[in-house]
């Protein structure tokens, strides 16, 4: 599946999964129709992430769900993931492309129009734009947080590659992000902390579709 077809994108974090494993949450999200899963779990060791990633790879491949690895190009190669998602302080996109090949999906985190234009110029396949709303899942500088769908719209206008909104997004506000031009939304807590992650995934997808149709 290509990034332009993503509507819901789960970013894993076991510490925010209400006592459930990343594998449990991912399976439930797939049941709910998730399009892509990013293996993040930064609090876990590389060995633990590798073991989890191998398991995720098996059933995401069966479900035709894209598996992306946060930051770690070596881990993405080791588990045969579909790609990697890079932050502003990670490897440059061209270096990751050289290591992973032309078929890999490479995303880049951006918060500003200038960053987005540069990421597209470097060859990124999609952008993760955020934090759209306030988030407690990671520390974000004030000028990169809670900037609203308006910034998403500015970045969508400035680039041609798909934009995925991230940061404080849930079923109540996802439609506005999609209406601003994002192809979909990436979330942690909205799925991982949900009593029913499958239902939460379905609700997010429905909200994104409403926004895209608006």
N, C-alpha and C. Protein backbone atom coordinates (compact mmCIF):
# COMPACT_ATOMS: atom_id res chain seq x y z
N UNK A 1 0.85 -1.19 0.00
CA UNK A 1 0.00 0.00 0.00
C UNK A 1 0.89 1.25 0.00
N UNK A 2 0.50 2.25 -0.72
CA UNK A 2 1.27 3.48 -0.80
C UNK A 2 0.78 4.49 0.24
N UNK A 3 1.66 5.39 0.69
CA UNK A 3 1.24 6.36 1.72
C UNK A 3 0.00 7.17 1.36
N UNK A 4 -0.20 7.46 0.08
CA UNK A 4 -1.37 8.26 -0.27
C UNK A 4 -2.68 7.52 0.01
N UNK A 5 -2.58 6.21 0.26
CA UNK A 5 -3.78 5.42 0.56
C UNK A 5 -3.99 5.20 2.06
N UNK A 6 -3.06 5.70 2.88
CA UNK A 6 -3.21 5.54 4.32
C UNK A 6 -4.29 6.46 4.87
N UNK A 7 -5.11 5.91 5.73
CA UNK A 7 -6.10 6.72 6.45
C UNK A 7 -5.80 6.70 7.96
N UNK A 8 -5.46 5.51 8.46
CA UNK A 8 -5.13 5.36 9.87
C UNK A 8 -3.75 4.73 10.01
N UNK A 9 -2.96 5.27 10.91
CA UNK A 9 -1.55 4.91 11.04
C UNK A 9 -1.27 4.82 12.55
N UNK A 10 -1.03 3.61 13.03
CA UNK A 10 -0.74 3.38 14.44
C UNK A 10 0.75 3.51 14.71
N UNK A 11 1.10 4.32 15.70
CA UNK A 11 2.47 4.41 16.19
C UNK A 11 2.49 3.70 17.55
N UNK A 12 3.32 2.68 17.69
CA UNK A 12 3.27 1.85 18.89
C UNK A 12 4.04 2.45 20.05
N UNK A 13 3.52 2.22 21.24
CA UNK A 13 4.24 2.56 22.46
C UNK A 13 3.63 1.72 23.58
N UNK A 14 4.34 0.66 23.94
CA UNK A 14 3.80 -0.31 24.88
C UNK A 14 3.52 0.32 26.25
N UNK A 15 4.31 1.32 26.64
CA UNK A 15 4.11 1.96 27.93
C UNK A 15 2.80 2.74 28.00
N UNK A 16 2.18 2.99 26.86
CA UNK A 16 0.90 3.70 26.80
C UNK A 16 -0.23 2.78 26.33
N UNK A 17 -0.06 1.48 26.56
CA UNK A 17 -1.02 0.51 26.02
C UNK A 17 -1.87 -0.17 27.09
N UNK A 18 -2.00 0.46 28.25
CA UNK A 18 -2.89 -0.03 29.31
C UNK A 18 -2.60 -1.48 29.69
N UNK A 19 -1.32 -1.80 29.81
CA UNK A 19 -0.93 -3.13 30.24
C UNK A 19 -0.94 -4.19 29.16
N UNK A 20 -1.26 -3.80 27.94
CA UNK A 20 -1.29 -4.77 26.84
C UNK A 20 -0.01 -4.66 26.01
N UNK A 21 0.31 -5.72 25.30
CA UNK A 21 1.53 -5.71 24.50
C UNK A 21 1.32 -4.98 23.19
N UNK A 22 2.43 -4.55 22.60
CA UNK A 22 2.37 -3.92 21.28
C UNK A 22 1.75 -4.87 20.25
N UNK A 23 2.08 -6.15 20.36
CA UNK A 23 1.52 -7.12 19.42
C UNK A 23 0.00 -7.20 19.57
N UNK A 24 -0.50 -7.22 20.80
CA UNK A 24 -1.95 -7.24 21.02
C UNK A 24 -2.63 -6.02 20.40
N UNK A 25 -2.05 -4.85 20.66
CA UNK A 25 -2.63 -3.61 20.14
C UNK A 25 -2.60 -3.61 18.61
N UNK A 26 -1.48 -4.04 18.04
CA UNK A 26 -1.36 -4.05 16.57
C UNK A 26 -2.37 -4.99 15.93
N UNK A 27 -2.55 -6.16 16.52
CA UNK A 27 -3.54 -7.11 15.97
C UNK A 27 -4.94 -6.51 16.01
N UNK A 28 -5.27 -5.85 17.11
CA UNK A 28 -6.60 -5.23 17.23
C UNK A 28 -6.76 -4.10 16.22
N UNK A 29 -5.70 -3.30 16.02
CA UNK A 29 -5.77 -2.21 15.06
C UNK A 29 -5.97 -2.74 13.64
N UNK A 30 -5.32 -3.84 13.33
CA UNK A 30 -5.51 -4.45 12.01
C UNK A 30 -6.95 -4.92 11.85
N UNK A 31 -7.50 -5.49 12.91
CA UNK A 31 -8.91 -5.88 12.88
C UNK A 31 -9.81 -4.68 12.59
N UNK A 32 -9.39 -3.51 13.10
CA UNK A 32 -10.17 -2.29 12.90
C UNK A 32 -9.91 -1.59 11.58
N UNK A 33 -8.97 -2.11 10.79
CA UNK A 33 -8.74 -1.55 9.46
C UNK A 33 -7.58 -0.59 9.34
N UNK A 34 -6.60 -0.66 10.25
CA UNK A 34 -5.44 0.24 10.16
C UNK A 34 -4.67 -0.01 8.87
N UNK A 35 -4.06 1.02 8.33
CA UNK A 35 -3.34 0.91 7.05
C UNK A 35 -1.83 0.78 7.22
N UNK A 36 -1.29 1.35 8.29
CA UNK A 36 0.16 1.32 8.52
C UNK A 36 0.42 1.27 10.02
N UNK A 37 1.50 0.60 10.39
CA UNK A 37 1.91 0.52 11.78
C UNK A 37 3.38 0.90 11.86
N UNK A 38 3.69 1.83 12.76
CA UNK A 38 5.07 2.23 12.99
C UNK A 38 5.55 1.64 14.31
N UNK A 39 6.61 0.83 14.24
CA UNK A 39 7.22 0.28 15.43
C UNK A 39 8.07 1.36 16.07
N UNK A 40 7.60 1.88 17.21
CA UNK A 40 8.32 2.94 17.92
C UNK A 40 8.90 2.37 19.22
N UNK A 41 8.09 2.24 20.25
CA UNK A 41 8.50 1.60 21.50
C UNK A 41 9.92 1.98 21.92
N UNK A 42 10.19 3.27 21.96
CA UNK A 42 11.56 3.74 22.23
C UNK A 42 12.08 3.34 23.60
N UNK A 43 11.19 3.05 24.53
CA UNK A 43 11.64 2.69 25.86
C UNK A 43 12.16 1.25 25.93
N UNK A 44 11.97 0.48 24.86
CA UNK A 44 12.40 -0.91 24.81
C UNK A 44 13.80 -1.02 24.21
N UNK A 45 14.50 -2.09 24.57
CA UNK A 45 15.83 -2.33 24.01
C UNK A 45 15.73 -2.65 22.53
N UNK A 46 16.86 -2.51 21.85
CA UNK A 46 16.89 -2.85 20.42
C UNK A 46 16.53 -4.31 20.21
N UNK A 47 17.01 -5.18 21.11
CA UNK A 47 16.70 -6.61 20.99
C UNK A 47 15.20 -6.84 21.11
N UNK A 48 14.57 -6.19 22.09
CA UNK A 48 13.12 -6.36 22.28
C UNK A 48 12.35 -5.82 21.09
N UNK A 49 12.77 -4.68 20.57
CA UNK A 49 12.09 -4.13 19.39
C UNK A 49 12.26 -5.04 18.18
N UNK A 50 13.45 -5.63 18.07
CA UNK A 50 13.68 -6.58 16.96
C UNK A 50 12.73 -7.76 17.07
N UNK A 51 12.61 -8.33 18.25
CA UNK A 51 11.74 -9.49 18.45
C UNK A 51 10.28 -9.13 18.17
N UNK A 52 9.86 -7.97 18.67
CA UNK A 52 8.50 -7.51 18.40
C UNK A 52 8.30 -7.25 16.91
N UNK A 53 9.30 -6.63 16.30
CA UNK A 53 9.22 -6.31 14.88
C UNK A 53 9.10 -7.54 14.00
N UNK A 54 9.82 -8.59 14.35
CA UNK A 54 9.73 -9.84 13.58
C UNK A 54 8.31 -10.40 13.63
N UNK A 55 7.71 -10.33 14.81
CA UNK A 55 6.35 -10.83 14.95
C UNK A 55 5.37 -9.93 14.19
N UNK A 56 5.55 -8.63 14.32
CA UNK A 56 4.69 -7.70 13.58
C UNK A 56 4.80 -7.92 12.08
N UNK A 57 6.01 -8.12 11.61
CA UNK A 57 6.23 -8.28 10.17
C UNK A 57 5.44 -9.45 9.61
N UNK A 58 5.38 -10.53 10.38
CA UNK A 58 4.67 -11.72 9.90
C UNK A 58 3.20 -11.44 9.65
N UNK A 59 2.53 -10.83 10.64
CA UNK A 59 1.09 -10.67 10.42
C UNK A 59 0.71 -9.38 9.70
N UNK A 60 1.58 -8.36 9.69
CA UNK A 60 1.27 -7.19 8.86
C UNK A 60 1.39 -7.54 7.39
N UNK A 61 2.35 -8.38 7.05
CA UNK A 61 2.49 -8.80 5.65
C UNK A 61 1.25 -9.58 5.20
N UNK A 62 0.77 -10.44 6.06
CA UNK A 62 -0.44 -11.22 5.72
C UNK A 62 -1.64 -10.31 5.53
N UNK A 63 -1.69 -9.23 6.30
CA UNK A 63 -2.84 -8.32 6.26
C UNK A 63 -2.67 -7.19 5.25
N UNK A 64 -1.55 -7.13 4.55
CA UNK A 64 -1.25 -6.05 3.61
C UNK A 64 -1.27 -4.69 4.31
N UNK A 65 -0.67 -4.66 5.49
CA UNK A 65 -0.52 -3.43 6.27
C UNK A 65 0.96 -3.05 6.26
N UNK A 66 1.26 -1.81 5.94
CA UNK A 66 2.66 -1.37 5.87
C UNK A 66 3.26 -1.31 7.27
N UNK A 67 4.49 -1.82 7.39
CA UNK A 67 5.22 -1.78 8.65
C UNK A 67 6.40 -0.83 8.51
N UNK A 68 6.40 0.21 9.32
CA UNK A 68 7.42 1.25 9.30
C UNK A 68 8.16 1.22 10.65
N UNK A 69 9.45 1.48 10.64
CA UNK A 69 10.23 1.52 11.88
C UNK A 69 10.62 2.97 12.18
N UNK A 70 10.45 3.35 13.42
CA UNK A 70 10.82 4.70 13.85
C UNK A 70 12.33 4.82 13.98
N UNK A 71 12.91 5.76 13.27
CA UNK A 71 14.31 6.17 13.40
C UNK A 71 15.35 5.16 12.92
N UNK A 72 15.22 3.90 13.29
CA UNK A 72 16.30 2.92 13.17
C UNK A 72 16.31 2.24 11.81
N UNK A 73 17.18 2.71 10.93
CA UNK A 73 17.31 2.11 9.60
C UNK A 73 17.83 0.68 9.71
N UNK A 74 18.75 0.43 10.64
CA UNK A 74 19.28 -0.92 10.80
C UNK A 74 18.19 -1.90 11.22
N UNK A 75 17.32 -1.47 12.12
CA UNK A 75 16.22 -2.33 12.56
C UNK A 75 15.23 -2.57 11.43
N UNK A 76 14.97 -1.54 10.64
CA UNK A 76 14.06 -1.70 9.50
C UNK A 76 14.59 -2.76 8.54
N UNK A 77 15.88 -2.74 8.29
CA UNK A 77 16.49 -3.76 7.42
C UNK A 77 16.42 -5.14 8.05
N UNK A 78 16.68 -5.20 9.34
CA UNK A 78 16.76 -6.49 10.02
C UNK A 78 15.42 -7.23 10.05
N UNK A 79 14.33 -6.49 10.11
CA UNK A 79 13.02 -7.15 10.17
C UNK A 79 12.30 -7.11 8.83
N UNK A 80 12.97 -6.61 7.79
CA UNK A 80 12.39 -6.51 6.46
C UNK A 80 11.12 -5.66 6.47
N UNK A 81 11.19 -4.54 7.18
CA UNK A 81 10.05 -3.61 7.22
C UNK A 81 9.87 -2.95 5.86
N UNK A 82 8.71 -2.33 5.69
CA UNK A 82 8.43 -1.63 4.43
C UNK A 82 9.15 -0.29 4.35
N UNK A 83 9.58 0.23 5.52
CA UNK A 83 10.27 1.51 5.47
C UNK A 83 10.63 2.01 6.84
N UNK A 84 10.99 3.28 6.88
CA UNK A 84 11.46 3.91 8.11
C UNK A 84 10.89 5.32 8.20
N UNK A 85 10.69 5.77 9.44
CA UNK A 85 10.24 7.15 9.64
C UNK A 85 11.34 7.89 10.38
N UNK A 86 11.79 8.99 9.83
CA UNK A 86 12.94 9.73 10.33
C UNK A 86 12.53 11.05 10.97
N UNK A 87 13.19 11.40 12.07
CA UNK A 87 13.02 12.70 12.68
C UNK A 87 14.02 13.68 12.11
N UNK A 88 13.92 14.92 12.54
CA UNK A 88 14.81 15.96 12.04
C UNK A 88 16.27 15.71 12.43
N UNK A 89 16.52 14.96 13.49
CA UNK A 89 17.88 14.69 13.93
C UNK A 89 18.38 13.30 13.55
N UNK A 90 17.62 12.59 12.75
CA UNK A 90 18.03 11.25 12.33
C UNK A 90 18.84 11.31 11.03
N UNK A 91 19.15 10.13 10.50
CA UNK A 91 19.87 10.08 9.22
C UNK A 91 19.14 10.90 8.16
N UNK A 92 19.87 11.56 7.27
CA UNK A 92 19.21 12.24 6.14
C UNK A 92 18.48 11.22 5.26
N UNK A 93 17.45 11.67 4.62
CA UNK A 93 16.67 10.79 3.75
C UNK A 93 17.53 10.10 2.69
N UNK A 94 18.45 10.80 1.99
CA UNK A 94 19.25 10.12 0.97
C UNK A 94 20.11 8.98 1.53
N UNK A 95 20.60 9.15 2.76
CA UNK A 95 21.41 8.09 3.37
C UNK A 95 20.54 6.87 3.68
N UNK A 96 19.36 7.12 4.19
CA UNK A 96 18.44 6.01 4.46
C UNK A 96 18.03 5.32 3.17
N UNK A 97 17.83 6.10 2.13
CA UNK A 97 17.45 5.53 0.83
C UNK A 97 18.56 4.63 0.29
N UNK A 98 19.79 5.06 0.44
CA UNK A 98 20.92 4.25 -0.03
C UNK A 98 20.98 2.91 0.69
N UNK A 99 20.66 2.92 1.97
CA UNK A 99 20.72 1.70 2.77
C UNK A 99 19.52 0.79 2.55
N UNK A 100 18.34 1.38 2.35
CA UNK A 100 17.11 0.59 2.27
C UNK A 100 16.63 0.31 0.86
N UNK A 101 17.11 1.09 -0.12
CA UNK A 101 16.72 0.84 -1.50
C UNK A 101 15.56 1.70 -1.97
N UNK A 102 15.35 1.69 -3.26
CA UNK A 102 14.35 2.57 -3.88
C UNK A 102 12.91 2.19 -3.54
N UNK A 103 12.69 0.94 -3.17
CA UNK A 103 11.31 0.51 -2.90
C UNK A 103 10.86 0.82 -1.48
N UNK A 104 11.79 1.20 -0.61
CA UNK A 104 11.44 1.48 0.78
C UNK A 104 10.58 2.74 0.88
N UNK A 105 9.68 2.74 1.84
CA UNK A 105 8.88 3.92 2.16
C UNK A 105 9.64 4.72 3.22
N UNK A 106 9.98 5.95 2.92
CA UNK A 106 10.73 6.78 3.87
C UNK A 106 9.91 8.03 4.19
N UNK A 107 9.58 8.15 5.47
CA UNK A 107 8.84 9.32 5.94
C UNK A 107 9.73 10.23 6.75
N UNK A 108 9.31 11.48 6.87
CA UNK A 108 10.09 12.47 7.62
C UNK A 108 9.14 13.30 8.49
N UNK A 109 9.53 13.51 9.74
CA UNK A 109 8.77 14.37 10.64
C UNK A 109 9.06 15.82 10.34
N UNK A 110 8.02 16.62 10.19
CA UNK A 110 8.18 18.05 9.93
C UNK A 110 7.13 18.83 10.71
N UNK A 111 7.49 20.06 11.05
CA UNK A 111 6.56 20.95 11.73
C UNK A 111 6.39 22.27 11.01
N UNK A 112 7.29 22.55 10.06
CA UNK A 112 7.30 23.85 9.37
C UNK A 112 7.34 23.64 7.87
N UNK A 113 6.86 24.62 7.15
CA UNK A 113 6.81 24.53 5.69
C UNK A 113 8.21 24.33 5.12
N UNK A 114 9.19 25.05 5.63
CA UNK A 114 10.55 24.94 5.10
C UNK A 114 11.10 23.53 5.26
N UNK A 115 10.83 22.91 6.42
CA UNK A 115 11.27 21.52 6.64
C UNK A 115 10.58 20.57 5.66
N UNK A 116 9.31 20.81 5.42
CA UNK A 116 8.56 19.95 4.52
C UNK A 116 9.11 20.01 3.10
N UNK A 117 9.39 21.22 2.63
CA UNK A 117 9.94 21.39 1.28
C UNK A 117 11.29 20.69 1.16
N UNK A 118 12.12 20.83 2.19
CA UNK A 118 13.44 20.19 2.19
C UNK A 118 13.31 18.67 2.20
N UNK A 119 12.40 18.13 2.99
CA UNK A 119 12.21 16.68 3.05
C UNK A 119 11.76 16.14 1.69
N UNK A 120 10.86 16.85 1.04
CA UNK A 120 10.43 16.43 -0.29
C UNK A 120 11.60 16.47 -1.27
N UNK A 121 12.39 17.52 -1.19
CA UNK A 121 13.54 17.66 -2.08
C UNK A 121 14.55 16.52 -1.86
N UNK A 122 14.68 16.07 -0.61
CA UNK A 122 15.60 14.98 -0.30
C UNK A 122 15.09 13.62 -0.78
N UNK A 123 13.79 13.53 -1.08
CA UNK A 123 13.25 12.28 -1.58
C UNK A 123 12.34 11.53 -0.63
N UNK A 124 11.84 12.21 0.41
CA UNK A 124 10.89 11.55 1.32
C UNK A 124 9.63 11.16 0.56
N UNK A 125 9.03 10.05 0.98
CA UNK A 125 7.81 9.57 0.34
C UNK A 125 6.55 10.13 0.97
N UNK A 126 6.65 10.52 2.23
CA UNK A 126 5.51 11.14 2.92
C UNK A 126 6.05 11.96 4.08
N UNK A 127 5.21 12.81 4.63
CA UNK A 127 5.56 13.64 5.77
C UNK A 127 4.65 13.33 6.95
N UNK A 128 5.23 13.26 8.14
CA UNK A 128 4.45 13.23 9.36
C UNK A 128 4.46 14.63 9.94
N UNK A 129 3.35 15.31 9.90
CA UNK A 129 3.28 16.72 10.29
C UNK A 129 2.63 16.86 11.66
N UNK A 130 3.37 17.45 12.60
CA UNK A 130 2.84 17.61 13.94
C UNK A 130 3.80 18.35 14.83
N UNK A 131 3.38 18.60 16.06
CA UNK A 131 2.17 18.06 16.65
C UNK A 131 0.98 18.99 16.35
N UNK A 132 -0.03 18.40 15.67
CA UNK A 132 -1.17 19.21 15.27
C UNK A 132 -1.90 19.77 16.49
N UNK A 133 -2.09 18.92 17.48
CA UNK A 133 -2.71 19.34 18.73
C UNK A 133 -1.74 19.01 19.87
N UNK A 134 -2.06 19.43 21.07
CA UNK A 134 -1.21 19.13 22.21
C UNK A 134 -1.09 17.63 22.41
N UNK A 135 0.09 17.16 22.78
CA UNK A 135 0.30 15.72 22.97
C UNK A 135 1.14 15.48 24.22
N UNK A 136 0.84 14.39 24.89
CA UNK A 136 1.64 13.99 26.05
C UNK A 136 2.50 12.77 25.75
N UNK A 137 2.46 12.29 24.51
CA UNK A 137 3.18 11.08 24.15
C UNK A 137 4.67 11.32 23.95
N UNK A 138 5.05 12.57 23.68
CA UNK A 138 6.47 12.89 23.52
C UNK A 138 6.66 14.37 23.84
N UNK A 139 7.89 14.73 24.18
CA UNK A 139 8.20 16.13 24.44
C UNK A 139 8.36 16.87 23.12
N UNK A 140 7.60 17.94 22.96
CA UNK A 140 7.63 18.71 21.72
C UNK A 140 7.84 20.17 22.06
N UNK A 141 8.80 20.86 21.43
CA UNK A 141 8.99 22.29 21.67
C UNK A 141 7.70 23.08 21.41
N UNK A 142 7.54 24.18 22.11
CA UNK A 142 6.30 24.95 22.01
C UNK A 142 5.97 25.37 20.59
N UNK A 143 6.99 25.71 19.79
CA UNK A 143 6.71 26.17 18.43
C UNK A 143 6.41 25.04 17.47
N UNK A 144 6.49 23.79 17.97
CA UNK A 144 6.20 22.63 17.12
C UNK A 144 4.96 21.88 17.60
N UNK A 145 4.20 22.47 18.50
CA UNK A 145 3.07 21.78 19.10
C UNK A 145 1.79 22.59 19.03
N UNK A 146 0.70 21.87 18.85
CA UNK A 146 -0.63 22.47 18.94
C UNK A 146 -0.82 23.62 17.96
N UNK A 147 -0.30 23.43 16.72
CA UNK A 147 -0.42 24.51 15.74
C UNK A 147 -1.68 24.39 14.88
N UNK A 148 -2.43 23.32 15.06
CA UNK A 148 -3.73 23.21 14.43
C UNK A 148 -3.70 22.80 12.97
N UNK A 149 -4.88 22.50 12.42
CA UNK A 149 -4.99 22.08 11.03
C UNK A 149 -4.51 23.13 10.03
N UNK A 150 -4.46 24.39 10.44
CA UNK A 150 -4.05 25.45 9.52
C UNK A 150 -2.62 25.21 9.02
N UNK A 151 -1.73 24.79 9.90
CA UNK A 151 -0.35 24.50 9.49
C UNK A 151 -0.32 23.28 8.56
N UNK A 152 -1.15 22.31 8.85
CA UNK A 152 -1.24 21.14 7.96
C UNK A 152 -1.61 21.60 6.56
N UNK A 153 -2.59 22.49 6.46
CA UNK A 153 -3.02 22.99 5.15
C UNK A 153 -1.90 23.74 4.45
N UNK A 154 -1.12 24.50 5.18
CA UNK A 154 0.00 25.24 4.58
C UNK A 154 1.03 24.27 4.01
N UNK A 155 1.32 23.21 4.75
CA UNK A 155 2.32 22.26 4.28
C UNK A 155 1.79 21.45 3.10
N UNK A 156 0.53 21.06 3.17
CA UNK A 156 -0.08 20.34 2.03
C UNK A 156 0.01 21.17 0.76
N UNK A 157 -0.21 22.47 0.89
CA UNK A 157 -0.15 23.37 -0.26
C UNK A 157 1.26 23.49 -0.81
N UNK A 158 2.26 23.32 0.06
CA UNK A 158 3.66 23.57 -0.33
C UNK A 158 4.35 22.36 -0.95
N UNK A 159 3.80 21.16 -0.75
CA UNK A 159 4.46 19.94 -1.25
C UNK A 159 3.48 19.09 -2.05
N UNK A 160 4.04 18.11 -2.75
CA UNK A 160 3.21 17.21 -3.55
C UNK A 160 3.12 15.81 -2.95
N UNK A 161 3.98 15.49 -1.99
CA UNK A 161 3.94 14.17 -1.38
C UNK A 161 2.87 14.12 -0.29
N UNK A 162 2.40 12.92 0.06
CA UNK A 162 1.33 12.80 1.05
C UNK A 162 1.74 13.32 2.43
N UNK A 163 0.78 13.90 3.12
CA UNK A 163 0.97 14.42 4.48
C UNK A 163 0.07 13.63 5.42
N UNK A 164 0.66 13.17 6.53
CA UNK A 164 -0.08 12.49 7.59
C UNK A 164 -0.01 13.37 8.83
N UNK A 165 -1.14 13.72 9.40
CA UNK A 165 -1.16 14.53 10.61
C UNK A 165 -0.90 13.67 11.83
N UNK A 166 -0.17 14.22 12.81
CA UNK A 166 0.13 13.49 14.04
C UNK A 166 0.18 14.46 15.21
N UNK A 167 -0.15 13.95 16.39
CA UNK A 167 -0.04 14.76 17.59
C UNK A 167 -1.39 15.14 18.18
N UNK A 168 -1.81 14.44 19.24
CA UNK A 168 -3.04 14.78 19.92
C UNK A 168 -4.30 14.52 19.12
N UNK A 169 -4.22 13.66 18.12
CA UNK A 169 -5.37 13.41 17.23
C UNK A 169 -6.19 12.24 17.75
N UNK A 170 -7.51 12.39 17.68
CA UNK A 170 -8.43 11.31 18.03
C UNK A 170 -9.64 11.40 17.11
N UNK A 171 -10.63 10.57 17.36
CA UNK A 171 -11.80 10.53 16.47
C UNK A 171 -12.58 11.84 16.48
N UNK A 172 -12.42 12.64 17.55
CA UNK A 172 -13.17 13.90 17.65
C UNK A 172 -12.58 15.00 16.79
N UNK A 173 -11.27 14.95 16.50
CA UNK A 173 -10.66 16.03 15.74
C UNK A 173 -9.98 15.59 14.45
N UNK A 174 -10.01 14.30 14.16
CA UNK A 174 -9.33 13.78 12.97
C UNK A 174 -9.92 14.32 11.67
N UNK A 175 -11.22 14.54 11.64
CA UNK A 175 -11.87 15.02 10.42
C UNK A 175 -11.30 16.37 10.00
N UNK A 176 -11.03 17.25 10.97
CA UNK A 176 -10.49 18.57 10.64
C UNK A 176 -9.11 18.47 10.03
N UNK A 177 -8.32 17.50 10.47
CA UNK A 177 -6.98 17.30 9.92
C UNK A 177 -7.07 16.81 8.49
N UNK A 178 -7.97 15.89 8.23
CA UNK A 178 -8.17 15.39 6.86
C UNK A 178 -8.75 16.48 5.96
N UNK A 179 -9.65 17.28 6.50
CA UNK A 179 -10.23 18.37 5.71
C UNK A 179 -9.16 19.38 5.31
N UNK A 180 -8.11 19.50 6.12
CA UNK A 180 -7.01 20.41 5.82
C UNK A 180 -6.10 19.87 4.72
N UNK A 181 -6.33 18.61 4.32
CA UNK A 181 -5.57 18.04 3.21
C UNK A 181 -4.71 16.85 3.54
N UNK A 182 -4.63 16.47 4.81
CA UNK A 182 -3.86 15.28 5.17
C UNK A 182 -4.54 14.04 4.61
N UNK A 183 -3.73 13.08 4.12
CA UNK A 183 -4.32 11.85 3.60
C UNK A 183 -4.86 10.99 4.73
N UNK A 184 -4.26 11.14 5.92
CA UNK A 184 -4.67 10.35 7.05
C UNK A 184 -4.08 10.89 8.33
N UNK A 185 -4.25 10.12 9.42
CA UNK A 185 -3.75 10.56 10.72
C UNK A 185 -2.96 9.43 11.37
N UNK A 186 -1.91 9.82 12.09
CA UNK A 186 -1.11 8.88 12.87
C UNK A 186 -1.37 9.14 14.34
N UNK A 187 -1.57 8.08 15.10
CA UNK A 187 -1.91 8.23 16.51
C UNK A 187 -1.17 7.20 17.35
N UNK A 188 -0.99 7.55 18.61
CA UNK A 188 -0.54 6.58 19.61
C UNK A 188 -1.71 6.31 20.54
N UNK A 189 -1.94 7.23 21.47
CA UNK A 189 -2.89 7.00 22.57
C UNK A 189 -4.32 6.74 22.11
N UNK A 190 -4.74 7.37 21.03
CA UNK A 190 -6.13 7.20 20.59
C UNK A 190 -6.46 5.74 20.30
N UNK A 191 -5.45 4.95 19.97
CA UNK A 191 -5.65 3.51 19.78
C UNK A 191 -5.10 2.72 20.96
N UNK A 192 -3.86 3.02 21.38
CA UNK A 192 -3.23 2.16 22.38
C UNK A 192 -3.92 2.20 23.74
N UNK A 193 -4.50 3.34 24.09
CA UNK A 193 -5.16 3.46 25.39
C UNK A 193 -6.65 3.14 25.34
N UNK A 194 -7.17 2.91 24.16
CA UNK A 194 -8.61 2.66 24.01
C UNK A 194 -9.00 1.32 24.64
N UNK A 195 -10.18 1.27 25.23
CA UNK A 195 -10.69 0.01 25.77
C UNK A 195 -10.83 -1.02 24.66
N UNK A 196 -11.22 -0.54 23.48
CA UNK A 196 -11.40 -1.41 22.31
C UNK A 196 -10.59 -0.80 21.16
N UNK A 197 -9.33 -1.19 21.00
CA UNK A 197 -8.49 -0.58 19.95
C UNK A 197 -9.03 -0.77 18.54
N UNK A 198 -9.69 -1.88 18.29
CA UNK A 198 -10.25 -2.11 16.95
C UNK A 198 -11.35 -1.09 16.66
N UNK A 199 -12.24 -0.89 17.62
CA UNK A 199 -13.32 0.09 17.45
C UNK A 199 -12.75 1.50 17.33
N UNK A 200 -11.71 1.80 18.10
CA UNK A 200 -11.08 3.12 18.03
C UNK A 200 -10.48 3.36 16.65
N UNK A 201 -9.89 2.32 16.08
CA UNK A 201 -9.32 2.44 14.74
C UNK A 201 -10.41 2.70 13.71
N UNK A 202 -11.51 1.98 13.83
CA UNK A 202 -12.64 2.19 12.90
C UNK A 202 -13.19 3.61 13.02
N UNK A 203 -13.30 4.10 14.24
CA UNK A 203 -13.82 5.47 14.45
C UNK A 203 -12.89 6.51 13.84
N UNK A 204 -11.59 6.30 13.96
CA UNK A 204 -10.63 7.22 13.34
C UNK A 204 -10.77 7.21 11.83
N UNK A 205 -10.87 6.02 11.25
CA UNK A 205 -11.02 5.92 9.79
C UNK A 205 -12.27 6.64 9.32
N UNK A 206 -13.36 6.43 10.03
CA UNK A 206 -14.61 7.09 9.64
C UNK A 206 -14.49 8.61 9.73
N UNK A 207 -13.77 9.10 10.74
CA UNK A 207 -13.60 10.54 10.88
C UNK A 207 -12.73 11.09 9.75
N UNK A 208 -11.68 10.37 9.40
CA UNK A 208 -10.82 10.79 8.29
C UNK A 208 -11.61 10.83 7.00
N UNK A 209 -12.41 9.83 6.75
CA UNK A 209 -13.19 9.79 5.51
C UNK A 209 -14.18 10.97 5.46
N UNK A 210 -14.77 11.31 6.61
CA UNK A 210 -15.68 12.46 6.65
C UNK A 210 -14.92 13.74 6.28
N UNK A 211 -13.74 13.88 6.84
CA UNK A 211 -12.95 15.06 6.55
C UNK A 211 -12.53 15.14 5.09
N UNK A 212 -12.15 14.02 4.53
CA UNK A 212 -11.74 14.01 3.12
C UNK A 212 -12.91 14.32 2.19
N UNK A 213 -14.11 13.92 2.62
CA UNK A 213 -15.29 14.16 1.78
C UNK A 213 -15.83 15.59 1.92
N UNK A 214 -15.40 16.28 2.96
CA UNK A 214 -15.95 17.62 3.24
C UNK A 214 -15.50 18.63 2.18
